[in-house]
Amino acid sequence: MENRDDEEVENGHEILPSNAAQYSSSSTHGNSSEIMDVEEDDIFKHSTTLTNKQRGNEVTVRPATLDSLSIHQLAAQGDVLQVAAHLSKDGSVLSRQDDRGFTPLMWAAAFGEKAVVDFLLEKGADPNTIARERESALTLASSGGYVDIIDSLLRHGVDINTYDWNGGTPLLYAVRGNHIKCVEALLAKGADMTIESDSGYSPMALAVALGHKKIQKVLEDHILKLYKPQT
């Protein structure tokens, strides 16, 4: 699994955007990811979970065999060889969307599996696919703090300002998760700082509301760089 930009993650929560996966929370061991309601301090409107159960990991029952896992679950687990095997049998699964509209690429991005992300992109996976609630691979990677995956996706021409059903952009989710390196990477590639979520938060306003002071400094420095008078 790819290293996360997690040195500044607070409260032990990983964040995933929107209604990415309202699956059963009976198995929440490991890399379970949550968006928690924070009243007016949050740009998001609902609590959601993306658990290892949907990824194919069962904590309380016999582990699933590889043959029983979908390509989406294999991508989420980082199993490049099995993903390749599925593609060799049926190339159409490369862009197949599950019941939430997630592609294998989106699952790999959500769980920080960079090797799978790079493999799928090399095979022609569309990085701009939008799921049912307008989630994207870039939004999921930004929410999870996976800066190397963000870089890979940006090299493949993704829409850096894509927004989900909450109006949340990749930059807003990176700010929400306090992922400094992700914020820096997105700003360096031209992410729009003026876009607000549906609840009215800009990236700067959200950083202030959540007390992410280092993120505030990054945003302030970027603004100064943008508007520094030319000599």
Protein backbone atom coordinates (compact mmCIF):
# COMPACT_ATOMS: atom_id res chain seq x y z
CA MET A 1 0.00 0.00 0.00
CA GLU A 2 1.17 3.51 -0.80
CA ASN A 3 2.45 5.68 2.04
CA ARG A 4 -0.10 8.22 3.18
CA ASP A 5 0.41 11.90 3.72
CA ASP A 6 -0.63 11.31 7.31
CA GLU A 7 1.85 13.20 9.46
CA GLU A 8 -0.78 15.84 10.04
CA VAL A 9 -3.92 13.66 10.26
CA GLU A 10 -5.83 14.52 13.40
CA ASN A 11 -8.12 12.50 15.65
CA GLY A 12 -7.14 9.20 14.04
CA HIS A 13 -9.77 9.47 11.30
CA GLU A 14 -9.21 8.72 7.65
CA ILE A 15 -11.57 10.61 5.40
CA LEU A 16 -13.37 9.48 2.28
CA PRO A 17 -15.68 11.77 0.37
CA SER A 18 -19.40 11.78 -0.09
CA ASN A 19 -21.49 8.60 0.05
CA ALA A 20 -18.61 6.65 -1.43
CA ALA A 21 -19.59 3.42 0.27
CA GLN A 22 -22.41 3.09 2.76
CA TYR A 23 -21.65 -0.56 3.30
CA SER A 24 -22.11 -2.71 6.36
CA SER A 25 -19.85 -1.63 9.21
CA SER A 26 -19.80 -5.08 10.79
CA SER A 27 -16.15 -5.38 9.74
CA THR A 28 -14.34 -2.15 10.55
CA HIS A 29 -10.92 -3.52 11.37
CA GLY A 30 -7.88 -2.09 9.60
CA ASN A 31 -8.24 0.62 6.98
CA SER A 32 -11.85 1.58 7.62
CA SER A 33 -12.42 5.18 6.58
CA GLU A 34 -14.98 7.61 7.87
CA ILE A 35 -16.49 11.00 7.34
CA MET A 36 -17.86 12.23 10.63
CA ASP A 37 -20.41 14.98 11.08
CA VAL A 38 -18.78 18.02 12.68
CA GLU A 39 -21.80 20.33 12.57
CA GLU A 40 -20.84 23.73 11.17
CA ASP A 41 -17.14 22.83 11.19
CA ASP A 42 -17.61 20.27 8.41
CA ILE A 43 -18.26 20.69 4.70
CA PHE A 44 -19.98 17.32 4.55
CA LYS A 45 -23.55 16.43 5.36
CA HIS A 46 -23.56 12.71 6.16
CA SER A 47 -21.50 10.13 8.00
CA THR A 48 -20.23 7.37 5.70
CA THR A 49 -17.91 4.40 5.97
CA LEU A 50 -15.78 2.50 3.50
CA THR A 51 -14.75 -0.71 5.18
CA ASN A 52 -12.49 -3.65 4.57
CA LYS A 53 -15.57 -5.84 4.21
CA GLN A 54 -16.30 -4.42 0.77
CA ARG A 55 -12.59 -4.63 0.01
CA GLY A 56 -12.90 -8.39 0.40
CA ASN A 57 -11.46 -8.78 3.90
CA GLU A 58 -13.67 -10.55 6.40
CA VAL A 59 -12.48 -10.38 9.99
CA THR A 60 -14.93 -12.76 11.64
CA VAL A 61 -15.37 -15.37 8.91
CA ARG A 62 -13.14 -17.47 6.71
CA PRO A 63 -11.14 -15.23 4.33
CA ALA A 64 -12.50 -15.00 0.81
CA THR A 65 -10.57 -16.89 -1.86
CA LEU A 66 -9.02 -14.93 -4.69
CA ASP A 67 -11.40 -16.58 -7.14
CA SER A 68 -14.38 -15.16 -5.27
CA LEU A 69 -13.14 -11.56 -5.26
CA SER A 70 -14.20 -9.03 -7.85
CA ILE A 71 -11.63 -7.00 -9.76
CA HIS A 72 -12.71 -4.03 -7.64
CA GLN A 73 -11.82 -5.86 -4.43
CA LEU A 74 -8.55 -7.13 -5.89
CA ALA A 75 -7.65 -3.58 -6.93
CA ALA A 76 -8.43 -2.35 -3.42
CA GLN A 77 -6.17 -5.07 -1.99
CA GLY A 78 -3.30 -4.14 -4.30
CA ASP A 79 -3.11 -7.51 -6.05
CA VAL A 80 -1.63 -6.50 -9.41
CA LEU A 81 -1.19 -10.08 -10.65
CA GLN A 82 -4.80 -11.04 -10.03
CA VAL A 83 -6.04 -7.76 -11.51
CA ALA A 84 -3.96 -8.49 -14.61
CA ALA A 85 -5.39 -12.01 -14.75
CA HIS A 86 -8.94 -10.65 -14.72
CA LEU A 87 -8.10 -8.20 -17.48
CA SER A 88 -6.55 -10.93 -19.62
CA LYS A 89 -9.82 -12.87 -19.47
CA ASP A 90 -12.12 -9.88 -20.00
CA GLY A 91 -10.75 -6.47 -20.95
CA SER A 92 -14.10 -4.80 -20.34
CA VAL A 93 -13.66 -5.05 -16.57
CA LEU A 94 -11.02 -2.31 -16.80
CA SER A 95 -13.73 0.34 -16.75
CA ARG A 96 -16.53 -1.66 -15.12
CA GLN A 97 -18.42 0.27 -12.45
CA ASP A 98 -19.81 -1.40 -9.35
CA ASP A 99 -23.15 -0.61 -7.74
CA ARG A 100 -21.78 2.71 -6.44
CA GLY A 101 -20.27 3.60 -9.77
CA PHE A 102 -16.73 2.86 -8.59
CA THR A 103 -14.19 1.51 -11.09
CA PRO A 104 -11.22 -0.69 -10.15
CA LEU A 105 -9.04 2.42 -10.49
CA MET A 106 -11.18 4.28 -7.98
CA TRP A 107 -10.96 1.43 -5.46
CA ALA A 108 -7.19 1.29 -5.83
CA ALA A 109 -6.95 5.06 -5.38
CA ALA A 110 -9.21 4.97 -2.32
CA PHE A 111 -7.00 2.41 -0.56
CA GLY A 112 -3.66 3.87 -1.62
CA GLU A 113 -2.63 1.00 -3.90
CA LYS A 114 -0.30 2.93 -6.20
CA ALA A 115 1.08 -0.09 -8.05
CA VAL A 116 -2.45 -1.04 -9.11
CA VAL A 117 -3.30 2.58 -9.94
CA ASP A 118 -0.26 2.83 -12.23
CA PHE A 119 -0.98 -0.55 -13.81
CA LEU A 120 -4.60 0.33 -14.55
CA LEU A 121 -3.66 3.73 -15.96
CA GLU A 122 -1.08 2.07 -18.19
CA LYS A 123 -3.79 -0.29 -19.45
CA GLY A 124 -5.99 2.66 -20.35
CA ALA A 125 -8.30 3.10 -17.36
CA ASP A 126 -10.14 6.42 -17.53
CA PRO A 127 -9.05 8.54 -14.54
CA ASN A 128 -11.92 10.98 -15.09
CA THR A 129 -14.74 8.50 -14.48
CA ILE A 130 -17.33 9.87 -12.05
CA ALA A 131 -19.24 7.59 -9.66
CA ARG A 132 -22.88 7.85 -8.63
CA GLU A 133 -22.27 10.57 -6.05
CA ARG A 134 -19.71 12.27 -8.31
CA GLU A 135 -16.72 10.72 -6.53
CA SER A 136 -13.57 10.52 -8.62
CA ALA A 137 -10.26 8.71 -8.29
CA LEU A 138 -8.55 12.03 -7.57
CA THR A 139 -11.06 12.95 -4.87
CA LEU A 140 -10.61 9.58 -3.18
CA ALA A 141 -6.82 9.78 -3.31
CA SER A 142 -6.87 13.35 -1.97
CA SER A 143 -9.20 12.37 0.84
CA GLY A 144 -7.00 9.44 1.80
CA GLY A 145 -3.78 11.46 1.72
CA TYR A 146 -2.08 9.52 -1.07
CA VAL A 147 0.11 12.18 -2.67
CA ASP A 148 1.96 9.83 -5.03
CA ILE A 149 -1.35 8.62 -6.44
CA ILE A 150 -2.45 12.24 -6.85
CA ASP A 151 0.72 12.86 -8.86
CA SER A 152 0.05 9.83 -11.05
CA LEU A 153 -3.52 10.87 -11.74
CA LEU A 154 -2.54 14.46 -12.50
CA ARG A 155 0.02 13.23 -15.02
CA HIS A 156 -2.85 11.51 -16.81
CA GLY A 157 -4.86 14.70 -17.23
CA VAL A 158 -7.57 14.40 -14.60
CA ASP A 159 -9.87 17.30 -13.86
CA ILE A 160 -8.19 18.81 -10.81
CA ASN A 161 -11.31 20.75 -9.78
CA THR A 162 -13.86 17.96 -10.08
CA TYR A 163 -16.54 18.16 -7.38
CA ASP A 164 -18.79 15.62 -5.71
CA TRP A 165 -22.38 15.82 -4.50
CA ASN A 166 -21.31 17.93 -1.51
CA GLY A 167 -19.47 20.36 -3.75
CA GLY A 168 -16.24 18.96 -2.33
CA THR A 169 -13.19 19.22 -4.59
CA PRO A 170 -9.96 17.23 -4.23
CA LEU A 171 -8.38 20.32 -2.63
CA LEU A 172 -11.18 20.65 -0.11
CA TYR A 173 -10.87 16.99 0.84
CA ALA A 174 -7.10 17.27 1.20
CA VAL A 175 -7.61 20.28 3.48
CA ARG A 176 -10.31 18.42 5.44
CA GLY A 177 -7.96 15.49 6.03
CA ASN A 178 -5.08 17.82 6.97
CA HIS A 179 -2.94 16.27 4.23
CA ILE A 180 -0.28 18.94 3.74
CA LYS A 181 1.66 17.28 0.93
CA CYS A 182 -1.55 16.62 -0.98
CA VAL A 183 -2.61 20.24 -0.64
CA GLU A 184 0.80 21.37 -1.87
CA ALA A 185 0.68 18.99 -4.85
CA LEU A 186 -2.80 20.11 -5.86
CA LEU A 187 -1.97 23.80 -5.54
CA ALA A 188 1.21 23.33 -7.57
CA LYS A 189 -0.87 21.90 -10.42
CA GLY A 190 -3.40 24.73 -10.38
CA ALA A 191 -6.20 23.65 -8.05
CA ASP A 192 -8.72 26.48 -7.65
CA MET A 193 -8.67 27.93 -4.12
CA THR A 194 -11.86 29.92 -4.66
CA ILE A 195 -14.24 26.98 -5.13
CA GLU A 196 -16.56 26.52 -2.15
CA SER A 197 -18.41 23.46 -0.95
CA ASP A 198 -22.20 23.50 -0.96
CA SER A 199 -22.11 24.54 2.70
CA GLY A 200 -20.02 27.59 1.85
CA TYR A 201 -16.49 26.58 2.85
CA SER A 202 -13.52 27.59 0.74
CA PRO A 203 -10.25 25.73 1.36
CA MET A 204 -8.97 28.58 3.53
CA ALA A 205 -12.21 28.90 5.48
CA LEU A 206 -12.25 25.15 6.09
CA ALA A 207 -8.63 25.13 7.27
CA VAL A 208 -9.41 27.95 9.69
CA ALA A 209 -12.60 26.26 10.96
CA LEU A 210 -10.77 23.00 11.60
CA GLY A 211 -7.71 24.64 13.12
CA HIS A 212 -5.30 23.21 10.56
CA LYS A 213 -2.67 25.90 11.00
CA LYS A 214 0.00 24.35 8.80
CA ILE A 215 -2.52 24.00 6.00
CA GLN A 216 -3.45 27.65 6.49
CA LYS A 217 0.21 28.60 6.09
CA VAL A 218 0.50 26.59 2.88
CA LEU A 219 -2.60 28.29 1.48
CA GLU A 220 -1.43 31.74 2.56
CA ASP A 221 1.99 31.22 1.01
CA HIS A 222 0.34 30.11 -2.22
CA ILE A 223 -1.83 33.22 -2.30
CA LEU A 224 1.18 35.45 -1.72
CA LYS A 225 3.02 33.67 -4.52
CA LEU A 226 0.11 34.13 -6.90
CA TYR A 227 -0.32 37.82 -6.20
CA LYS A 228 3.27 38.84 -5.54
CA PRO A 229 3.97 42.02 -7.55
CA GLN A 230 6.39 41.44 -10.38
CA THR A 231 9.57 43.51 -10.16
